[in-house]
Every structure is written in C-alpha cells, then in structure tokens.
Amino acid sequence: MDAAYVFAVRFRLEPTGGVRVDPQVFETRLRRPADPPGDPGWRFFRDNLWRGDLGDPVRFRSVVEDALDVPVESVEYRSLETDREYYEALQAEIAADLAQFNADTTTEVLNKYLGSSVELRE
C-alpha cells in the first residue's frame, strides 16, 4: 500500500550575510505519507481537510514551516495520491465506523473531506 497527501507550498528564502537570491519566492510540492488505515494518524484527512481545502491554513502553514525550516507564504492541499490497495483499505476503515465522520456512506465521507481530489494510481 502506498499513499501520500500532496500540497502546493510557496516559500521564501531570506538569506543573511549580504547575499541575495533571485527569485526569493519558490513553489514546490510537499508530499506527506498517508498513515495506513487503522494506524494512529490515519484520520489525517478528517483532522486537517474540509471539502478539499485545509481546515486551518494558518496552523498548517506553521507546521510546514517547522518541517521545511523556511518561511512559508502559503500551503494548499492538492490531492491524496494513492494506489488501489490503500484506497480500498481506507474505504473499508471509514465504512467500519461512519458515525465518527457524521456521515451515512463512505462516498459522503470522502467528498466531505477530500472533495474530488483523490488521484488513484494503477
């Protein structure tokens, strides 16, 4: 099983010692491995995303700044990239306890938190 949450990150370099960089602002993709369904942390999407957007962009930007050790200007969720095995395990884990998501179906949960941003790799 393989899956990762993908984010677009815009960050700024602030050099010291009289040196300059041009450009100062860069954009990159950040991939956060998705925890296996059922493992601690597997509900990352529920705790951080809503309809395919970050639920708390300011807090998440701070988390990314700590991880990258650069000033981050913006972070935007792009997708959950996954293989079929992970996606099926995720759906089964969600279906096992729909009440925790306040939803009636697995599809509703996925749409509620991930929007339409799941990229399935074959």
PDB file of N, CA and C in Angstrom:
ATOM      1  N   MET A   1       0.850  -1.192   0.000  1.00  0.00           N
ATOM      2  CA  MET A   1       0.000   0.000   0.000  1.00  0.00           C
ATOM      3  C   MET A   1       0.887   1.243   0.000  1.00  0.00           C
ATOM      4  N   ASP A   2       0.437   2.214  -0.767  1.00  0.00           N
ATOM      5  CA  ASP A   2       1.207   3.443  -0.873  1.00  0.00           C
ATOM      6  C   ASP A   2       0.249   4.607  -1.083  1.00  0.00           C
ATOM      7  N   ALA A   3       0.413   5.660  -0.276  1.00  0.00           N
ATOM      8  CA  ALA A   3      -0.413   6.855  -0.432  1.00  0.00           C
ATOM      9  C   ALA A   3       0.301   8.045   0.192  1.00  0.00           C
ATOM     10  N   ALA A   4       0.010   9.229  -0.348  1.00  0.00           N
ATOM     11  CA  ALA A   4       0.581  10.463   0.189  1.00  0.00           C
ATOM     12  C   ALA A   4      -0.381  11.612  -0.053  1.00  0.00           C
ATOM     13  N   TYR A   5      -0.432  12.510   0.919  1.00  0.00           N
ATOM     14  CA  TYR A   5      -1.154  13.767   0.753  1.00  0.00           C
ATOM     15  C   TYR A   5      -0.193  14.737   0.078  1.00  0.00           C
ATOM     16  N   VAL A   6      -0.680  15.430  -0.952  1.00  0.00           N
ATOM     17  CA  VAL A   6       0.165  16.332  -1.724  1.00  0.00           C
ATOM     18  C   VAL A   6      -0.320  17.768  -1.509  1.00  0.00           C
ATOM     19  N   PHE A   7       0.644  18.655  -1.262  1.00  0.00           N
ATOM     20  CA  PHE A   7       0.349  20.061  -1.012  1.00  0.00           C
ATOM     21  C   PHE A   7       1.217  20.932  -1.913  1.00  0.00           C
ATOM     22  N   ALA A   8       0.664  22.039  -2.372  1.00  0.00           N
ATOM     23  CA  ALA A   8       1.447  23.065  -3.056  1.00  0.00           C
ATOM     24  C   ALA A   8       1.935  24.022  -1.972  1.00  0.00           C
ATOM     25  N   VAL A   9       3.234  24.248  -1.936  1.00  0.00           N
ATOM     26  CA  VAL A   9       3.830  25.105  -0.911  1.00  0.00           C
ATOM     27  C   VAL A   9       4.581  26.239  -1.586  1.00  0.00           C
ATOM     28  N   ARG A  10       4.305  27.432  -1.128  1.00  0.00           N
ATOM     29  CA  ARG A  10       5.023  28.617  -1.597  1.00  0.00           C
ATOM     30  C   ARG A  10       5.841  29.124  -0.419  1.00  0.00           C
ATOM     31  N   PHE A  11       7.172  29.203  -0.614  1.00  0.00           N
ATOM     32  CA  PHE A  11       8.035  29.622   0.488  1.00  0.00           C
ATOM     33  C   PHE A  11       9.010  30.692   0.025  1.00  0.00           C
ATOM     34  N   ARG A  12       9.610  31.349   1.006  1.00  0.00           N
ATOM     35  CA  ARG A  12      10.512  32.465   0.733  1.00  0.00           C
ATOM     36  C   ARG A  12      11.874  32.176   1.363  1.00  0.00           C
ATOM     37  N   LEU A  13      12.921  32.488   0.615  1.00  0.00           N
ATOM     38  CA  LEU A  13      14.261  32.428   1.171  1.00  0.00           C
ATOM     39  C   LEU A  13      14.634  33.811   1.679  1.00  0.00           C
ATOM     40  N   GLU A  14      15.199  33.847   2.856  1.00  0.00           N
ATOM     41  CA  GLU A  14      15.639  35.104   3.464  1.00  0.00           C
ATOM     42  C   GLU A  14      17.109  34.967   3.825  1.00  0.00           C
ATOM     43  N   PRO A  15      17.986  35.130   2.814  1.00  0.00           N
ATOM     44  CA  PRO A  15      19.411  34.931   3.061  1.00  0.00           C
ATOM     45  C   PRO A  15      19.993  35.999   3.987  1.00  0.00           C
ATOM     46  N   THR A  16      21.064  35.628   4.642  1.00  0.00           N
ATOM     47  CA  THR A  16      21.770  36.553   5.526  1.00  0.00           C
ATOM     48  C   THR A  16      23.195  36.738   5.008  1.00  0.00           C
ATOM     49  N   GLY A  17      23.940  37.603   5.644  1.00  0.00           N
ATOM     50  CA  GLY A  17      25.347  37.782   5.284  1.00  0.00           C
ATOM     51  C   GLY A  17      25.566  38.572   4.016  1.00  0.00           C
ATOM     52  N   GLY A  18      24.595  39.384   3.618  1.00  0.00           N
ATOM     53  CA  GLY A  18      24.771  40.242   2.462  1.00  0.00           C
ATOM     54  C   GLY A  18      24.535  39.579   1.118  1.00  0.00           C
ATOM     55  N   VAL A  19      24.157  38.306   1.109  1.00  0.00           N
ATOM     56  CA  VAL A  19      23.888  37.657  -0.175  1.00  0.00           C
ATOM     57  C   VAL A  19      22.427  37.854  -0.564  1.00  0.00           C
ATOM     58  N   ARG A  20      22.178  37.754  -1.868  1.00  0.00           N
ATOM     59  CA  ARG A  20      20.814  37.892  -2.372  1.00  0.00           C
ATOM     60  C   ARG A  20      20.485  36.688  -3.234  1.00  0.00           C
ATOM     61  N   VAL A  21      19.209  36.406  -3.326  1.00  0.00           N
ATOM     62  CA  VAL A  21      18.736  35.368  -4.232  1.00  0.00           C
ATOM     63  C   VAL A  21      17.631  35.964  -5.096  1.00  0.00           C
ATOM     64  N   ASP A  22      17.548  35.470  -6.303  1.00  0.00           N
ATOM     65  CA  ASP A  22      16.508  35.931  -7.215  1.00  0.00           C
ATOM     66  C   ASP A  22      16.061  34.739  -8.045  1.00  0.00           C
ATOM     67  N   PRO A  23      14.881  34.286  -7.921  1.00  0.00           N
ATOM     68  CA  PRO A  23      13.799  34.846  -7.115  1.00  0.00           C
ATOM     69  C   PRO A  23      13.962  34.482  -5.634  1.00  0.00           C
ATOM     70  N   GLN A  24      13.227  35.175  -4.799  1.00  0.00           N
ATOM     71  CA  GLN A  24      13.215  34.881  -3.365  1.00  0.00           C
ATOM     72  C   GLN A  24      12.095  33.913  -3.011  1.00  0.00           C
ATOM     73  N   VAL A  25      11.076  33.866  -3.862  1.00  0.00           N
ATOM     74  CA  VAL A  25       9.909  33.033  -3.585  1.00  0.00           C
ATOM     75  C   VAL A  25       9.912  31.845  -4.543  1.00  0.00           C
ATOM     76  N   PHE A  26       9.639  30.674  -3.973  1.00  0.00           N
ATOM     77  CA  PHE A  26       9.626  29.436  -4.742  1.00  0.00           C
ATOM     78  C   PHE A  26       8.348  28.663  -4.458  1.00  0.00           C
ATOM     79  N   GLU A  27       7.960  27.861  -5.420  1.00  0.00           N
ATOM     80  CA  GLU A  27       6.825  26.967  -5.232  1.00  0.00           C
ATOM     81  C   GLU A  27       7.299  25.541  -5.432  1.00  0.00           C
ATOM     82  N   THR A  28       6.785  24.653  -4.617  1.00  0.00           N
ATOM     83  CA  THR A  28       7.168  23.257  -4.698  1.00  0.00           C
ATOM     84  C   THR A  28       5.995  22.389  -4.269  1.00  0.00           C
ATOM     85  N   ARG A  29       6.146  21.104  -4.418  1.00  0.00           N
ATOM     86  CA  ARG A  29       5.154  20.134  -3.952  1.00  0.00           C
ATOM     87  C   ARG A  29       5.705  19.451  -2.714  1.00  0.00           C
ATOM     88  N   LEU A  30       4.892  19.348  -1.701  1.00  0.00           N
ATOM     89  CA  LEU A  30       5.233  18.629  -0.483  1.00  0.00           C
ATOM     90  C   LEU A  30       4.358  17.389  -0.424  1.00  0.00           C
ATOM     91  N   ARG A  31       4.970  16.265  -0.179  1.00  0.00           N
ATOM     92  CA  ARG A  31       4.222  15.011  -0.044  1.00  0.00           C
ATOM     93  C   ARG A  31       4.364  14.509   1.377  1.00  0.00           C
ATOM     94  N   ARG A  32       3.230  14.316   2.033  1.00  0.00           N
ATOM     95  CA  ARG A  32       3.205  13.755   3.383  1.00  0.00           C
ATOM     96  C   ARG A  32       2.671  12.335   3.269  1.00  0.00           C
ATOM     97  N   PRO A  33       3.470  11.337   3.657  1.00  0.00           N
ATOM     98  CA  PRO A  33       2.976   9.958   3.581  1.00  0.00           C
ATOM     99  C   PRO A  33       1.675   9.802   4.378  1.00  0.00           C
ATOM    100  N   ALA A  34       0.741   9.090   3.802  1.00  0.00           N
ATOM    101  CA  ALA A  34      -0.528   8.808   4.484  1.00  0.00           C
ATOM    102  C   ALA A  34      -0.351   7.569   5.353  1.00  0.00           C
ATOM    103  N   ASP A  35      -0.744   7.686   6.603  1.00  0.00           N
ATOM    104  CA  ASP A  35      -0.658   6.544   7.512  1.00  0.00           C
ATOM    105  C   ASP A  35      -1.611   5.448   7.043  1.00  0.00           C
ATOM    106  N   PRO A  36      -1.210   4.195   7.186  1.00  0.00           N
ATOM    107  CA  PRO A  36      -2.094   3.091   6.787  1.00  0.00           C
ATOM    108  C   PRO A  36      -3.424   3.146   7.534  1.00  0.00           C
ATOM    109  N   PRO A  37      -4.520   2.871   6.852  1.00  0.00           N
ATOM    110  CA  PRO A  37      -5.829   2.873   7.508  1.00  0.00           C
ATOM    111  C   PRO A  37      -5.824   1.986   8.756  1.00  0.00           C
ATOM    112  N   GLY A  38      -6.323   2.557   9.848  1.00  0.00           N
ATOM    113  CA  GLY A  38      -6.366   1.852  11.120  1.00  0.00           C
ATOM    114  C   GLY A  38      -5.203   2.182  12.029  1.00  0.00           C
ATOM    115  N   ASP A  39      -4.074   2.638  11.471  1.00  0.00           N
ATOM    116  CA  ASP A  39      -2.919   3.024  12.283  1.00  0.00           C
ATOM    117  C   ASP A  39      -3.155   4.401  12.896  1.00  0.00           C
ATOM    118  N   PRO A  40      -2.435   4.722  13.978  1.00  0.00           N
ATOM    119  CA  PRO A  40      -2.533   6.077  14.515  1.00  0.00           C
ATOM    120  C   PRO A  40      -2.202   7.094  13.413  1.00  0.00           C
ATOM    121  N   GLY A  41      -2.990   8.128  13.326  1.00  0.00           N
ATOM    122  CA  GLY A  41      -2.758   9.162  12.324  1.00  0.00           C
ATOM    123  C   GLY A  41      -3.458   8.940  11.001  1.00  0.00           C
ATOM    124  N   TRP A  42      -4.167   7.831  10.842  1.00  0.00           N
ATOM    125  CA  TRP A  42      -4.806   7.562   9.546  1.00  0.00           C
ATOM    126  C   TRP A  42      -5.937   8.544   9.250  1.00  0.00           C
ATOM    127  N   ARG A  43      -6.466   9.183  10.277  1.00  0.00           N
ATOM    128  CA  ARG A  43      -7.564  10.154  10.080  1.00  0.00           C
ATOM    129  C   ARG A  43      -7.042  11.568   9.779  1.00  0.00           C
ATOM    130  N   PHE A  44      -5.832  11.670   9.286  1.00  0.00           N
ATOM    131  CA  PHE A  44      -5.237  12.964   8.947  1.00  0.00           C
ATOM    132  C   PHE A  44      -6.205  13.811   8.123  1.00  0.00           C
ATOM    133  N   PHE A  45      -6.830  13.199   7.135  1.00  0.00           N
ATOM    134  CA  PHE A  45      -7.750  13.943   6.259  1.00  0.00           C
ATOM    135  C   PHE A  45      -8.904  14.534   7.055  1.00  0.00           C
ATOM    136  N   ARG A  46      -9.438  13.775   8.017  1.00  0.00           N
ATOM    137  CA  ARG A  46     -10.560  14.257   8.817  1.00  0.00           C
ATOM    138  C   ARG A  46     -10.144  15.422   9.707  1.00  0.00           C
ATOM    139  N   ASP A  47      -8.926  15.355  10.218  1.00  0.00           N
ATOM    140  CA  ASP A  47      -8.460  16.360  11.167  1.00  0.00           C
ATOM    141  C   ASP A  47      -7.909  17.620  10.510  1.00  0.00           C
ATOM    142  N   ASN A  48      -7.631  17.573   9.207  1.00  0.00           N
ATOM    143  CA  ASN A  48      -6.971  18.707   8.563  1.00  0.00           C
ATOM    144  C   ASN A  48      -7.631  19.239   7.307  1.00  0.00           C
ATOM    145  N   LEU A  49      -8.545  18.475   6.708  1.00  0.00           N
ATOM    146  CA  LEU A  49      -9.118  18.885   5.429  1.00  0.00           C
ATOM    147  C   LEU A  49     -10.632  19.022   5.522  1.00  0.00           C
ATOM    148  N   TRP A  50     -11.175  19.866   4.670  1.00  0.00           N
ATOM    149  CA  TRP A  50     -12.611  20.031   4.559  1.00  0.00           C
ATOM    150  C   TRP A  50     -12.936  20.421   3.136  1.00  0.00           C
ATOM    151  N   ARG A  51     -13.670  19.547   2.445  1.00  0.00           N
ATOM    152  CA  ARG A  51     -14.070  19.775   1.052  1.00  0.00           C
ATOM    153  C   ARG A  51     -12.871  20.040   0.139  1.00  0.00           C
ATOM    154  N   GLY A  52     -11.756  19.389   0.431  1.00  0.00           N
ATOM    155  CA  GLY A  52     -10.579  19.528  -0.403  1.00  0.00           C
ATOM    156  C   GLY A  52      -9.738  20.758  -0.113  1.00  0.00           C
ATOM    157  N   ASP A  53      -9.987  21.423   0.994  1.00  0.00           N
ATOM    158  CA  ASP A  53      -9.178  22.566   1.420  1.00  0.00           C
ATOM    159  C   ASP A  53      -8.682  22.325   2.839  1.00  0.00           C
ATOM    160  N   LEU A  54      -7.641  23.039   3.223  1.00  0.00           N
ATOM    161  CA  LEU A  54      -7.164  22.953   4.599  1.00  0.00           C
ATOM    162  C   LEU A  54      -8.172  23.597   5.536  1.00  0.00           C
ATOM    163  N   GLY A  55      -8.477  22.924   6.614  1.00  0.00           N
ATOM    164  CA  GLY A  55      -9.423  23.456   7.583  1.00  0.00           C
ATOM    165  C   GLY A  55      -8.865  24.640   8.357  1.00  0.00           C
ATOM    166  N   ASP A  56      -7.560  24.647   8.640  1.00  0.00           N
ATOM    167  CA  ASP A  56      -6.901  25.722   9.374  1.00  0.00           C
ATOM    168  C   ASP A  56      -5.583  26.046   8.675  1.00  0.00           C
ATOM    169  N   PRO A  57      -5.631  26.845   7.607  1.00  0.00           N
ATOM    170  CA  PRO A  57      -4.431  27.110   6.807  1.00  0.00           C
ATOM    171  C   PRO A  57      -3.298  27.769   7.597  1.00  0.00           C
ATOM    172  N   VAL A  58      -3.620  28.630   8.545  1.00  0.00           N
ATOM    173  CA  VAL A  58      -2.582  29.318   9.321  1.00  0.00           C
ATOM    174  C   VAL A  58      -1.798  28.315  10.163  1.00  0.00           C
ATOM    175  N   ARG A  59      -2.502  27.441  10.853  1.00  0.00           N
ATOM    176  CA  ARG A  59      -1.837  26.431  11.680  1.00  0.00           C
ATOM    177  C   ARG A  59      -1.024  25.477  10.807  1.00  0.00           C
ATOM    178  N   PHE A  60      -1.595  25.064   9.703  1.00  0.00           N
ATOM    179  CA  PHE A  60      -0.895  24.111   8.842  1.00  0.00           C
ATOM    180  C   PHE A  60       0.343  24.757   8.224  1.00  0.00           C
ATOM    181  N   ARG A  61       0.256  26.033   7.876  1.00  0.00           N
ATOM    182  CA  ARG A  61       1.429  26.743   7.340  1.00  0.00           C
ATOM    183  C   ARG A  61       2.554  26.727   8.369  1.00  0.00           C
ATOM    184  N   SER A  62       2.220  26.902   9.637  1.00  0.00           N
ATOM    185  CA  SER A  62       3.215  26.855  10.711  1.00  0.00           C
ATOM    186  C   SER A  62       3.853  25.467  10.820  1.00  0.00           C
ATOM    187  N   VAL A  63       3.053  24.429  10.680  1.00  0.00           N
ATOM    188  CA  VAL A  63       3.565  23.055  10.718  1.00  0.00           C
ATOM    189  C   VAL A  63       4.553  22.837   9.568  1.00  0.00           C
ATOM    190  N   VAL A  64       4.218  23.328   8.390  1.00  0.00           N
ATOM    191  CA  VAL A  64       5.092  23.165   7.227  1.00  0.00           C
ATOM    192  C   VAL A  64       6.364  23.995   7.390  1.00  0.00           C
ATOM    193  N   GLU A  65       6.242  25.200   7.954  1.00  0.00           N
ATOM    194  CA  GLU A  65       7.437  25.998   8.227  1.00  0.00           C
ATOM    195  C   GLU A  65       8.395  25.242   9.129  1.00  0.00           C
ATOM    196  N   ASP A  66       7.875  24.614  10.165  1.00  0.00           N
ATOM    197  CA  ASP A  66       8.719  23.831  11.069  1.00  0.00           C
ATOM    198  C   ASP A  66       9.387  22.672  10.334  1.00  0.00           C
ATOM    199  N   ALA A  67       8.647  22.024   9.449  1.00  0.00           N
ATOM    200  CA  ALA A  67       9.191  20.872   8.724  1.00  0.00           C
ATOM    201  C   ALA A  67      10.256  21.284   7.710  1.00  0.00           C
ATOM    202  N   LEU A  68      10.067  22.421   7.053  1.00  0.00           N
ATOM    203  CA  LEU A  68      10.983  22.851   5.995  1.00  0.00           C
ATOM    204  C   LEU A  68      12.054  23.820   6.474  1.00  0.00           C
ATOM    205  N   ASP A  69      11.827  24.437   7.612  1.00  0.00           N
ATOM    206  CA  ASP A  69      12.752  25.418   8.184  1.00  0.00           C
ATOM    207  C   ASP A  69      12.972  26.615   7.265  1.00  0.00           C
ATOM    208  N   VAL A  70      11.885  27.062   6.629  1.00  0.00           N
ATOM    209  CA  VAL A  70      11.884  28.281   5.821  1.00  0.00           C
ATOM    210  C   VAL A  70      10.542  28.979   6.052  1.00  0.00           C
ATOM    211  N   PRO A  71      10.494  30.309   5.859  1.00  0.00           N
ATOM    212  CA  PRO A  71       9.209  30.997   5.955  1.00  0.00           C
ATOM    213  C   PRO A  71       8.277  30.557   4.828  1.00  0.00           C
ATOM    214  N   VAL A  72       7.097  30.083   5.180  1.00  0.00           N
ATOM    215  CA  VAL A  72       6.124  29.596   4.204  1.00  0.00           C
ATOM    216  C   VAL A  72       5.043  30.654   4.013  1.00  0.00           C
ATOM    217  N   GLU A  73       4.799  31.004   2.770  1.00  0.00           N
ATOM    218  CA  GLU A  73       3.775  32.006   2.458  1.00  0.00           C
ATOM    219  C   GLU A  73       2.399  31.390   2.318  1.00  0.00           C
ATOM    220  N   SER A  74       2.335  30.172   1.747  1.00  0.00           N
ATOM    221  CA  SER A  74       1.032  29.534   1.579  1.00  0.00           C
ATOM    222  C   SER A  74       1.195  28.030   1.408  1.00  0.00           C
ATOM    223  N   VAL A  75       0.151  27.322   1.818  1.00  0.00           N
ATOM    224  CA  VAL A  75       0.065  25.876   1.624  1.00  0.00           C
ATOM    225  C   VAL A  75      -1.346  25.586   1.151  1.00  0.00           C
ATOM    226  N   GLU A  76      -1.455  24.820   0.076  1.00  0.00           N
ATOM    227  CA  GLU A  76      -2.764  24.427  -0.438  1.00  0.00           C
ATOM    228  C   GLU A  76      -2.780  22.926  -0.666  1.00  0.00           C
ATOM    229  N   TYR A  77      -3.826  22.289  -0.189  1.00  0.00           N
ATOM    230  CA  TYR A  77      -3.984  20.859  -0.427  1.00  0.00           C
ATOM    231  C   TYR A  77      -4.279  20.634  -1.897  1.00  0.00           C
ATOM    232  N   ARG A  78      -3.637  19.615  -2.485  1.00  0.00           N
ATOM    233  CA  ARG A  78      -3.861  19.297  -3.887  1.00  0.00           C
ATOM    234  C   ARG A  78      -4.568  17.961  -4.074  1.00  0.00           C
ATOM    235  N   SER A  79      -4.076  16.909  -3.396  1.00  0.00           N
ATOM    236  CA  SER A  79      -4.699  15.611  -3.624  1.00  0.00           C
ATOM    237  C   SER A  79      -4.175  14.565  -2.644  1.00  0.00           C
ATOM    238  N   LEU A  80      -4.915  13.479  -2.591  1.00  0.00           N
ATOM    239  CA  LEU A  80      -4.437  12.248  -1.981  1.00  0.00           C
ATOM    240  C   LEU A  80      -4.045  11.357  -3.149  1.00  0.00           C
ATOM    241  N   GLU A  81      -2.743  11.105  -3.299  1.00  0.00           N
ATOM    242  CA  GLU A  81      -2.260  10.199  -4.340  1.00  0.00           C
ATOM    243  C   GLU A  81      -2.159   8.819  -3.710  1.00  0.00           C
ATOM    244  N   THR A  82      -2.798   7.836  -4.319  1.00  0.00           N
ATOM    245  CA  THR A  82      -2.858   6.524  -3.698  1.00  0.00           C
ATOM    246  C   THR A  82      -2.934   5.405  -4.717  1.00  0.00           C
ATOM    247  N   ASP A  83      -2.555   4.233  -4.273  1.00  0.00           N
ATOM    248  CA  ASP A  83      -2.766   3.054  -5.098  1.00  0.00           C
ATOM    249  C   ASP A  83      -4.116   2.429  -4.709  1.00  0.00           C
ATOM    250  N   ARG A  84      -4.576   1.509  -5.513  1.00  0.00           N
ATOM    251  CA  ARG A  84      -5.897   0.910  -5.291  1.00  0.00           C
ATOM    252  C   ARG A  84      -5.971   0.183  -3.940  1.00  0.00           C
ATOM    253  N   GLU A  85      -4.905  -0.511  -3.559  1.00  0.00           N
ATOM    254  CA  GLU A  85      -4.909  -1.261  -2.303  1.00  0.00           C
ATOM    255  C   GLU A  85      -5.137  -0.329  -1.106  1.00  0.00           C
ATOM    256  N   TYR A  86      -4.420   0.799  -1.069  1.00  0.00           N
ATOM    257  CA  TYR A  86      -4.595   1.754   0.031  1.00  0.00           C
ATOM    258  C   TYR A  86      -6.006   2.329   0.002  1.00  0.00           C
ATOM    259  N   TYR A  87      -6.469   2.707  -1.186  1.00  0.00           N
ATOM    260  CA  TYR A  87      -7.782   3.341  -1.315  1.00  0.00           C
ATOM    261  C   TYR A  87      -8.894   2.407  -0.836  1.00  0.00           C
ATOM    262  N   GLU A  88      -8.795   1.146  -1.188  1.00  0.00           N
ATOM    263  CA  GLU A  88      -9.800   0.183  -0.738  1.00  0.00           C
ATOM    264  C   GLU A  88      -9.729  -0.033   0.774  1.00  0.00           C
ATOM    265  N   ALA A  89      -8.524  -0.078   1.327  1.00  0.00           N
ATOM    266  CA  ALA A  89      -8.374  -0.216   2.783  1.00  0.00           C
ATOM    267  C   ALA A  89      -8.913   1.019   3.496  1.00  0.00           C
ATOM    268  N   LEU A  90      -8.683   2.197   2.931  1.00  0.00           N
ATOM    269  CA  LEU A  90      -9.207   3.442   3.503  1.00  0.00           C
ATOM    270  C   LEU A  90     -10.736   3.419   3.510  1.00  0.00           C
ATOM    271  N   GLN A  91     -11.331   3.020   2.401  1.00  0.00           N
ATOM    272  CA  GLN A  91     -12.790   2.948   2.325  1.00  0.00           C
ATOM    273  C   GLN A  91     -13.342   1.953   3.347  1.00  0.00           C
ATOM    274  N   ALA A  92     -12.699   0.823   3.503  1.00  0.00           N
ATOM    275  CA  ALA A  92     -13.163  -0.183   4.467  1.00  0.00           C
ATOM    276  C   ALA A  92     -13.065   0.343   5.890  1.00  0.00           C
ATOM    277  N   GLU A  93     -11.990   1.032   6.216  1.00  0.00           N
ATOM    278  CA  GLU A  93     -11.811   1.575   7.574  1.00  0.00           C
ATOM    279  C   GLU A  93     -12.849   2.658   7.858  1.00  0.00           C
ATOM    280  N   ILE A  94     -13.130   3.495   6.882  1.00  0.00           N
ATOM    281  CA  ILE A  94     -14.166   4.520   7.038  1.00  0.00           C
ATOM    282  C   ILE A  94     -15.523   3.857   7.237  1.00  0.00           C
ATOM    283  N   ALA A  95     -15.836   2.865   6.408  1.00  0.00           N
ATOM    284  CA  ALA A  95     -17.130   2.184   6.467  1.00  0.00           C
ATOM    285  C   ALA A  95     -17.348   1.491   7.808  1.00  0.00           C
ATOM    286  N   ALA A  96     -16.269   1.078   8.454  1.00  0.00           N
ATOM    287  CA  ALA A  96     -16.377   0.374   9.732  1.00  0.00           C
ATOM    288  C   ALA A  96     -16.897   1.263  10.849  1.00  0.00           C
ATOM    289  N   ASP A  97     -16.806   2.580  10.676  1.00  0.00           N
ATOM    290  CA  ASP A  97     -17.276   3.482  11.738  1.00  0.00           C
ATOM    291  C   ASP A  97     -17.697   4.826  11.151  1.00  0.00           C
ATOM    292  N   LEU A  98     -18.754   4.817  10.363  1.00  0.00           N
ATOM    293  CA  LEU A  98     -19.235   6.045   9.725  1.00  0.00           C
ATOM    294  C   LEU A  98     -19.661   7.109  10.735  1.00  0.00           C
ATOM    295  N   ALA A  99     -20.085   6.690  11.924  1.00  0.00           N
ATOM    296  CA  ALA A  99     -20.560   7.654  12.927  1.00  0.00           C
ATOM    297  C   ALA A  99     -19.483   8.666  13.300  1.00  0.00           C
ATOM    298  N   GLN A 100     -18.213   8.235  13.343  1.00  0.00           N
ATOM    299  CA  GLN A 100     -17.152   9.174  13.719  1.00  0.00           C
ATOM    300  C   GLN A 100     -16.985  10.295  12.693  1.00  0.00           C
ATOM    301  N   PHE A 101     -17.526  10.089  11.493  1.00  0.00           N
ATOM    302  CA  PHE A 101     -17.438  11.092  10.438  1.00  0.00           C
ATOM    303  C   PHE A 101     -18.757  11.832  10.242  1.00  0.00           C
ATOM    304  N   ASN A 102     -19.758  11.458  11.037  1.00  0.00           N
ATOM    305  CA  ASN A 102     -21.078  12.069  10.920  1.00  0.00           C
ATOM    306  C   ASN A 102     -21.577  11.979   9.464  1.00  0.00           C
ATOM    307  N   ALA A 103     -21.533  10.754   8.938  1.00  0.00           N
ATOM    308  CA  ALA A 103     -21.921  10.537   7.541  1.00  0.00           C
ATOM    309  C   ALA A 103     -22.644   9.200   7.415  1.00  0.00           C
ATOM    310  N   ASP A 104     -23.362   9.048   6.303  1.00  0.00           N
ATOM    311  CA  ASP A 104     -24.115   7.820   6.053  1.00  0.00           C
ATOM    312  C   ASP A 104     -23.393   6.849   5.127  1.00  0.00           C
ATOM    313  N   THR A 105     -22.447   7.358   4.311  1.00  0.00           N
ATOM    314  CA  THR A 105     -21.749   6.488   3.357  1.00  0.00           C
ATOM    315  C   THR A 105     -20.269   6.867   3.300  1.00  0.00           C
ATOM    316  N   THR A 106     -19.486   5.925   2.816  1.00  0.00           N
ATOM    317  CA  THR A 106     -18.058   6.184   2.615  1.00  0.00           C
ATOM    318  C   THR A 106     -17.850   7.278   1.578  1.00  0.00           C
ATOM    319  N   THR A 107     -18.622   7.246   0.523  1.00  0.00           N
ATOM    320  CA  THR A 107     -18.520   8.277  -0.516  1.00  0.00           C
ATOM    321  C   THR A 107     -18.767   9.658   0.066  1.00  0.00           C
ATOM    322  N   GLU A 108     -19.751   9.770   0.945  1.00  0.00           N
ATOM    323  CA  GLU A 108     -20.035  11.055   1.592  1.00  0.00           C
ATOM    324  C   GLU A 108     -18.830  11.534   2.396  1.00  0.00           C
ATOM    325  N   VAL A 109     -18.191  10.633   3.116  1.00  0.00           N
ATOM    326  CA  VAL A 109     -17.006  10.989   3.915  1.00  0.00           C
ATOM    327  C   VAL A 109     -15.889  11.483   3.000  1.00  0.00           C
ATOM    328  N   LEU A 110     -15.602  10.744   1.964  1.00  0.00           N
ATOM    329  CA  LEU A 110     -14.524  11.135   1.057  1.00  0.00           C
ATOM    330  C   LEU A 110     -14.795  12.480   0.410  1.00  0.00           C
ATOM    331  N   ASN A 111     -16.031  12.723  -0.005  1.00  0.00           N
ATOM    332  CA  ASN A 111     -16.376  14.018  -0.590  1.00  0.00           C
ATOM    333  C   ASN A 111     -16.321  15.139   0.436  1.00  0.00           C
ATOM    334  N   LYS A 112     -16.767  14.840   1.650  1.00  0.00           N
ATOM    335  CA  LYS A 112     -16.805  15.843   2.711  1.00  0.00           C
ATOM    336  C   LYS A 112     -15.403  16.359   3.042  1.00  0.00           C
ATOM    337  N   TYR A 113     -14.440  15.470   3.078  1.00  0.00           N
ATOM    338  CA  TYR A 113     -13.097  15.870   3.500  1.00  0.00           C
ATOM    339  C   TYR A 113     -12.113  16.073   2.350  1.00  0.00           C
ATOM    340  N   LEU A 114     -12.166  15.226   1.348  1.00  0.00           N
ATOM    341  CA  LEU A 114     -11.183  15.298   0.272  1.00  0.00           C
ATOM    342  C   LEU A 114     -11.707  15.991  -0.981  1.00  0.00           C
ATOM    343  N   GLY A 115     -12.983  16.308  -1.001  1.00  0.00           N
ATOM    344  CA  GLY A 115     -13.550  16.886  -2.213  1.00  0.00           C
ATOM    345  C   GLY A 115     -13.412  15.873  -3.336  1.00  0.00           C
ATOM    346  N   SER A 116     -12.999  16.313  -4.481  1.00  0.00           N
ATOM    347  CA  SER A 116     -12.805  15.399  -5.616  1.00  0.00           C
ATOM    348  C   SER A 116     -11.313  15.196  -5.879  1.00  0.00           C
ATOM    349  N   SER A 117     -10.510  15.365  -4.849  1.00  0.00           N
ATOM    350  CA  SER A 117      -9.062  15.389  -5.061  1.00  0.00           C
ATOM    351  C   SER A 117      -8.364  14.109  -4.601  1.00  0.00           C
ATOM    352  N   VAL A 118      -8.781  12.988  -5.161  1.00  0.00           N
ATOM    353  CA  VAL A 118      -8.097  11.711  -4.961  1.00  0.00           C
ATOM    354  C   VAL A 118      -7.567  11.273  -6.315  1.00  0.00           C
ATOM    355  N   GLU A 119      -6.261  10.998  -6.365  1.00  0.00           N
ATOM    356  CA  GLU A 119      -5.633  10.538  -7.604  1.00  0.00           C
ATOM    357  C   GLU A 119      -5.235   9.082  -7.404  1.00  0.00           C
ATOM    358  N   LEU A 120      -5.916   8.212  -8.096  1.00  0.00           N
ATOM    359  CA  LEU A 120      -5.698   6.786  -7.980  1.00  0.00           C
ATOM    360  C   LEU A 120      -4.677   6.325  -9.017  1.00  0.00           C
ATOM    361  N   ARG A 121      -3.582   5.754  -8.517  1.00  0.00           N
ATOM    362  CA  ARG A 121      -2.551   5.202  -9.404  1.00  0.00           C
ATOM    363  C   ARG A 121      -2.812   3.729  -9.620  1.00  0.00           C
ATOM    364  N   GLU A 122      -2.686   3.285 -10.806  1.00  0.00           N
ATOM    365  CA  GLU A 122      -2.887   1.857 -11.116  1.00  0.00           C
ATOM    366  C   GLU A 122      -1.572   1.141 -11.136  1.00  0.00           C
TER     367      GLU A 122
END
